[in-house]
Amino acid sequence: QVQLVESGGGLVQPGGSLRLSCAASGSIFSINAMGWYRQAPGKQRELVATITAGGSANYADSLKGRFTISRDGAKNTVYLQMNSLKPEDTAVYYCKAVVVTTTPIGEGDYWGQGTQVTVSS
């Protein structure tokens, strides 16, 4: 199976920055897209950003310019640099990976457990 472990969340003041990391491990043959999603209290989970194996990034329109997604293929890790944070960015941030596995053989979506980001003074 595949495990995704996120880190880097926490409490930050408005205008501050955080960098989230998500490392994938397990029966991985290859990882296609990786991405970040978030869910605020009382709201549906929403896309933050995704990145393909080739490095093509896609962002939620409202977050362009403040958030940057990147990945290290050798480490099976995806990052999310978040700048100029606002209180409305407060949410649980989830990592997702589309993984081709060796055991069992196949492709599937895998999610991390989430990391809390709180933006407050």
C-alpha atoms as a PDB file:
ATOM      1  CA  GLN A   1       0.000   0.000   0.000  1.00  0.00           C
ATOM      2  CA  VAL A   2       0.914   3.663  -0.036  1.00  0.00           C
ATOM      3  CA  GLN A   3       1.251   6.100   2.851  1.00  0.00           C
ATOM      4  CA  LEU A   4       1.278   9.875   2.555  1.00  0.00           C
ATOM      5  CA  VAL A   5       2.594  11.836   5.508  1.00  0.00           C
ATOM      6  CA  GLU A   6       2.109  15.587   5.664  1.00  0.00           C
ATOM      7  CA  SER A   7       4.030  18.017   7.827  1.00  0.00           C
ATOM      8  CA  GLY A   8       4.588  21.728   8.225  1.00  0.00           C
ATOM      9  CA  GLY A   9       1.205  22.947   9.384  1.00  0.00           C
ATOM     10  CA  GLY A  10       0.696  25.178  12.380  1.00  0.00           C
ATOM     11  CA  LEU A  11      -0.355  28.571  13.623  1.00  0.00           C
ATOM     12  CA  VAL A  12       0.815  31.639  11.718  1.00  0.00           C
ATOM     13  CA  GLN A  13      -0.086  35.311  11.827  1.00  0.00           C
ATOM     14  CA  PRO A  14      -1.799  36.996   8.884  1.00  0.00           C
ATOM     15  CA  GLY A  15       0.764  37.903   6.254  1.00  0.00           C
ATOM     16  CA  GLY A  16       3.059  35.086   7.321  1.00  0.00           C
ATOM     17  CA  SER A  17       4.297  32.036   5.449  1.00  0.00           C
ATOM     18  CA  LEU A  18       4.273  28.286   5.864  1.00  0.00           C
ATOM     19  CA  ARG A  19       5.715  25.432   3.850  1.00  0.00           C
ATOM     20  CA  LEU A  20       3.886  22.123   3.808  1.00  0.00           C
ATOM     21  CA  SER A  21       5.528  18.851   2.857  1.00  0.00           C
ATOM     22  CA  CYS A  22       4.030  15.498   1.910  1.00  0.00           C
ATOM     23  CA  ALA A  23       6.135  12.382   1.526  1.00  0.00           C
ATOM     24  CA  ALA A  24       4.837   9.236  -0.123  1.00  0.00           C
ATOM     25  CA  SER A  25       6.128   5.783   0.702  1.00  0.00           C
ATOM     26  CA  GLY A  26       5.174   2.166   0.195  1.00  0.00           C
ATOM     27  CA  SER A  27       4.649  -0.028  -2.852  1.00  0.00           C
ATOM     28  CA  ILE A  28       5.289   2.730  -5.362  1.00  0.00           C
ATOM     29  CA  PHE A  29       6.175   2.090  -8.965  1.00  0.00           C
ATOM     30  CA  SER A  30       5.610   5.663 -10.049  1.00  0.00           C
ATOM     31  CA  ILE A  31       3.699   8.745  -9.010  1.00  0.00           C
ATOM     32  CA  ASN A  32       1.713  10.674 -11.545  1.00  0.00           C
ATOM     33  CA  ALA A  33       0.030  13.798 -10.255  1.00  0.00           C
ATOM     34  CA  MET A  34       0.374  15.056  -6.696  1.00  0.00           C
ATOM     35  CA  GLY A  35      -1.608  17.826  -5.144  1.00  0.00           C
ATOM     36  CA  TRP A  36      -2.946  19.717  -2.199  1.00  0.00           C
ATOM     37  CA  TYR A  37      -6.546  20.199  -1.174  1.00  0.00           C
ATOM     38  CA  ARG A  38      -8.030  21.943   1.838  1.00  0.00           C
ATOM     39  CA  GLN A  39     -11.177  21.803   3.890  1.00  0.00           C
ATOM     40  CA  ALA A  40     -12.327  24.595   6.153  1.00  0.00           C
ATOM     41  CA  PRO A  41     -14.885  24.003   8.919  1.00  0.00           C
ATOM     42  CA  GLY A  42     -18.356  23.649   7.478  1.00  0.00           C
ATOM     43  CA  LYS A  43     -17.112  23.729   3.895  1.00  0.00           C
ATOM     44  CA  GLN A  44     -16.400  21.182   1.198  1.00  0.00           C
ATOM     45  CA  ARG A  45     -12.906  20.069   0.379  1.00  0.00           C
ATOM     46  CA  GLU A  46     -11.451  22.211  -2.404  1.00  0.00           C
ATOM     47  CA  LEU A  47      -8.512  22.115  -4.757  1.00  0.00           C
ATOM     48  CA  VAL A  48      -5.477  24.161  -3.823  1.00  0.00           C
ATOM     49  CA  ALA A  49      -2.923  23.059  -6.408  1.00  0.00           C
ATOM     50  CA  THR A  50      -1.749  20.041  -8.365  1.00  0.00           C
ATOM     51  CA  ILE A  51       1.468  19.172 -10.144  1.00  0.00           C
ATOM     52  CA  THR A  52       2.170  16.498 -12.734  1.00  0.00           C
ATOM     53  CA  ALA A  53       5.163  14.197 -12.922  1.00  0.00           C
ATOM     54  CA  GLY A  54       6.526  16.519 -15.569  1.00  0.00           C
ATOM     55  CA  GLY A  55       6.222  19.522 -13.297  1.00  0.00           C
ATOM     56  CA  SER A  56       3.172  21.233 -14.768  1.00  0.00           C
ATOM     57  CA  ALA A  57       1.314  23.049 -12.005  1.00  0.00           C
ATOM     58  CA  ASN A  58      -2.317  24.023 -11.719  1.00  0.00           C
ATOM     59  CA  TYR A  59      -3.748  26.331  -9.053  1.00  0.00           C
ATOM     60  CA  ALA A  60      -7.092  27.427  -7.757  1.00  0.00           C
ATOM     61  CA  ASP A  61      -7.632  30.824  -9.328  1.00  0.00           C
ATOM     62  CA  SER A  62      -8.025  32.543  -5.976  1.00  0.00           C
ATOM     63  CA  LEU A  63      -4.630  31.308  -4.782  1.00  0.00           C
ATOM     64  CA  LYS A  64      -2.456  32.102  -7.775  1.00  0.00           C
ATOM     65  CA  GLY A  65       0.441  34.316  -6.831  1.00  0.00           C
ATOM     66  CA  ARG A  66       0.441  33.428  -3.142  1.00  0.00           C
ATOM     67  CA  PHE A  67       0.855  29.641  -3.175  1.00  0.00           C
ATOM     68  CA  THR A  68       3.516  27.637  -5.018  1.00  0.00           C
ATOM     69  CA  ILE A  69       3.517  23.869  -5.464  1.00  0.00           C
ATOM     70  CA  SER A  70       6.658  21.901  -6.228  1.00  0.00           C
ATOM     71  CA  ARG A  71       7.820  18.306  -6.068  1.00  0.00           C
ATOM     72  CA  ASP A  72      10.957  16.247  -5.651  1.00  0.00           C
ATOM     73  CA  GLY A  73      10.519  13.120  -7.726  1.00  0.00           C
ATOM     74  CA  ALA A  74      13.504  11.384  -6.214  1.00  0.00           C
ATOM     75  CA  LYS A  75      12.013  11.764  -2.740  1.00  0.00           C
ATOM     76  CA  ASN A  76       8.370  11.186  -3.752  1.00  0.00           C
ATOM     77  CA  THR A  77       7.616  14.444  -1.988  1.00  0.00           C
ATOM     78  CA  VAL A  78       5.406  17.392  -2.826  1.00  0.00           C
ATOM     79  CA  TYR A  79       5.638  20.821  -1.230  1.00  0.00           C
ATOM     80  CA  LEU A  80       3.311  23.766  -0.865  1.00  0.00           C
ATOM     81  CA  GLN A  81       4.827  27.156  -0.157  1.00  0.00           C
ATOM     82  CA  MET A  82       2.157  29.481   1.201  1.00  0.00           C
ATOM     83  CA  ASN A  83       2.875  33.198   1.429  1.00  0.00           C
ATOM     84  CA  SER A  84       0.838  36.227   2.481  1.00  0.00           C
ATOM     85  CA  LEU A  85      -1.482  33.985   4.435  1.00  0.00           C
ATOM     86  CA  LYS A  86      -4.947  35.203   5.319  1.00  0.00           C
ATOM     87  CA  PRO A  87      -7.398  34.078   8.001  1.00  0.00           C
ATOM     88  CA  GLU A  88      -9.552  32.562   5.256  1.00  0.00           C
ATOM     89  CA  ASP A  89      -6.704  30.179   4.436  1.00  0.00           C
ATOM     90  CA  THR A  90      -7.378  28.444   7.750  1.00  0.00           C
ATOM     91  CA  ALA A  91      -8.215  24.820   6.991  1.00  0.00           C
ATOM     92  CA  VAL A  92      -7.005  21.266   7.153  1.00  0.00           C
ATOM     93  CA  TYR A  93      -4.691  20.736   4.210  1.00  0.00           C
ATOM     94  CA  TYR A  94      -4.628  17.311   2.583  1.00  0.00           C
ATOM     95  CA  CYS A  95      -2.087  15.810   0.239  1.00  0.00           C
ATOM     96  CA  LYS A  96      -3.201  13.569  -2.604  1.00  0.00           C
ATOM     97  CA  ALA A  97      -1.159  11.407  -4.957  1.00  0.00           C
ATOM     98  CA  VAL A  98      -2.078   9.373  -8.008  1.00  0.00           C
ATOM     99  CA  VAL A  99       0.168   6.365  -7.619  1.00  0.00           C
ATOM    100  CA  VAL A 100       0.971   3.374  -9.748  1.00  0.00           C
ATOM    101  CA  THR A 101       1.629   0.603  -7.231  1.00  0.00           C
ATOM    102  CA  THR A 102       3.544  -2.622  -7.447  1.00  0.00           C
ATOM    103  CA  THR A 103       1.499  -4.422  -4.801  1.00  0.00           C
ATOM    104  CA  PRO A 104      -1.241  -4.708  -5.816  1.00  0.00           C
ATOM    105  CA  ILE A 105      -0.520  -3.803  -9.413  1.00  0.00           C
ATOM    106  CA  GLY A 106      -2.591  -0.824 -10.446  1.00  0.00           C
ATOM    107  CA  GLU A 107      -3.208   2.888 -10.145  1.00  0.00           C
ATOM    108  CA  GLY A 108      -5.115   4.642  -7.429  1.00  0.00           C
ATOM    109  CA  ASP A 109      -5.655   7.850  -5.505  1.00  0.00           C
ATOM    110  CA  TYR A 110      -4.128   8.092  -2.054  1.00  0.00           C
ATOM    111  CA  TRP A 111      -4.677  10.734   0.603  1.00  0.00           C
ATOM    112  CA  GLY A 112      -2.725  11.917   3.590  1.00  0.00           C
ATOM    113  CA  GLN A 113      -4.231  12.380   7.030  1.00  0.00           C
ATOM    114  CA  GLY A 114      -4.239  16.171   6.793  1.00  0.00           C
ATOM    115  CA  THR A 115      -2.360  18.931   8.558  1.00  0.00           C
ATOM    116  CA  GLN A 116      -3.994  21.902  10.267  1.00  0.00           C
ATOM    117  CA  VAL A 117      -3.127  25.404   9.124  1.00  0.00           C
ATOM    118  CA  THR A 118      -4.464  28.229  11.277  1.00  0.00           C
ATOM    119  CA  VAL A 119      -3.980  31.855  10.305  1.00  0.00           C
ATOM    120  CA  SER A 120      -4.770  34.122  13.208  1.00  0.00           C
ATOM    121  CA  SER A 121      -3.362  37.022  15.158  1.00  0.00           C
END
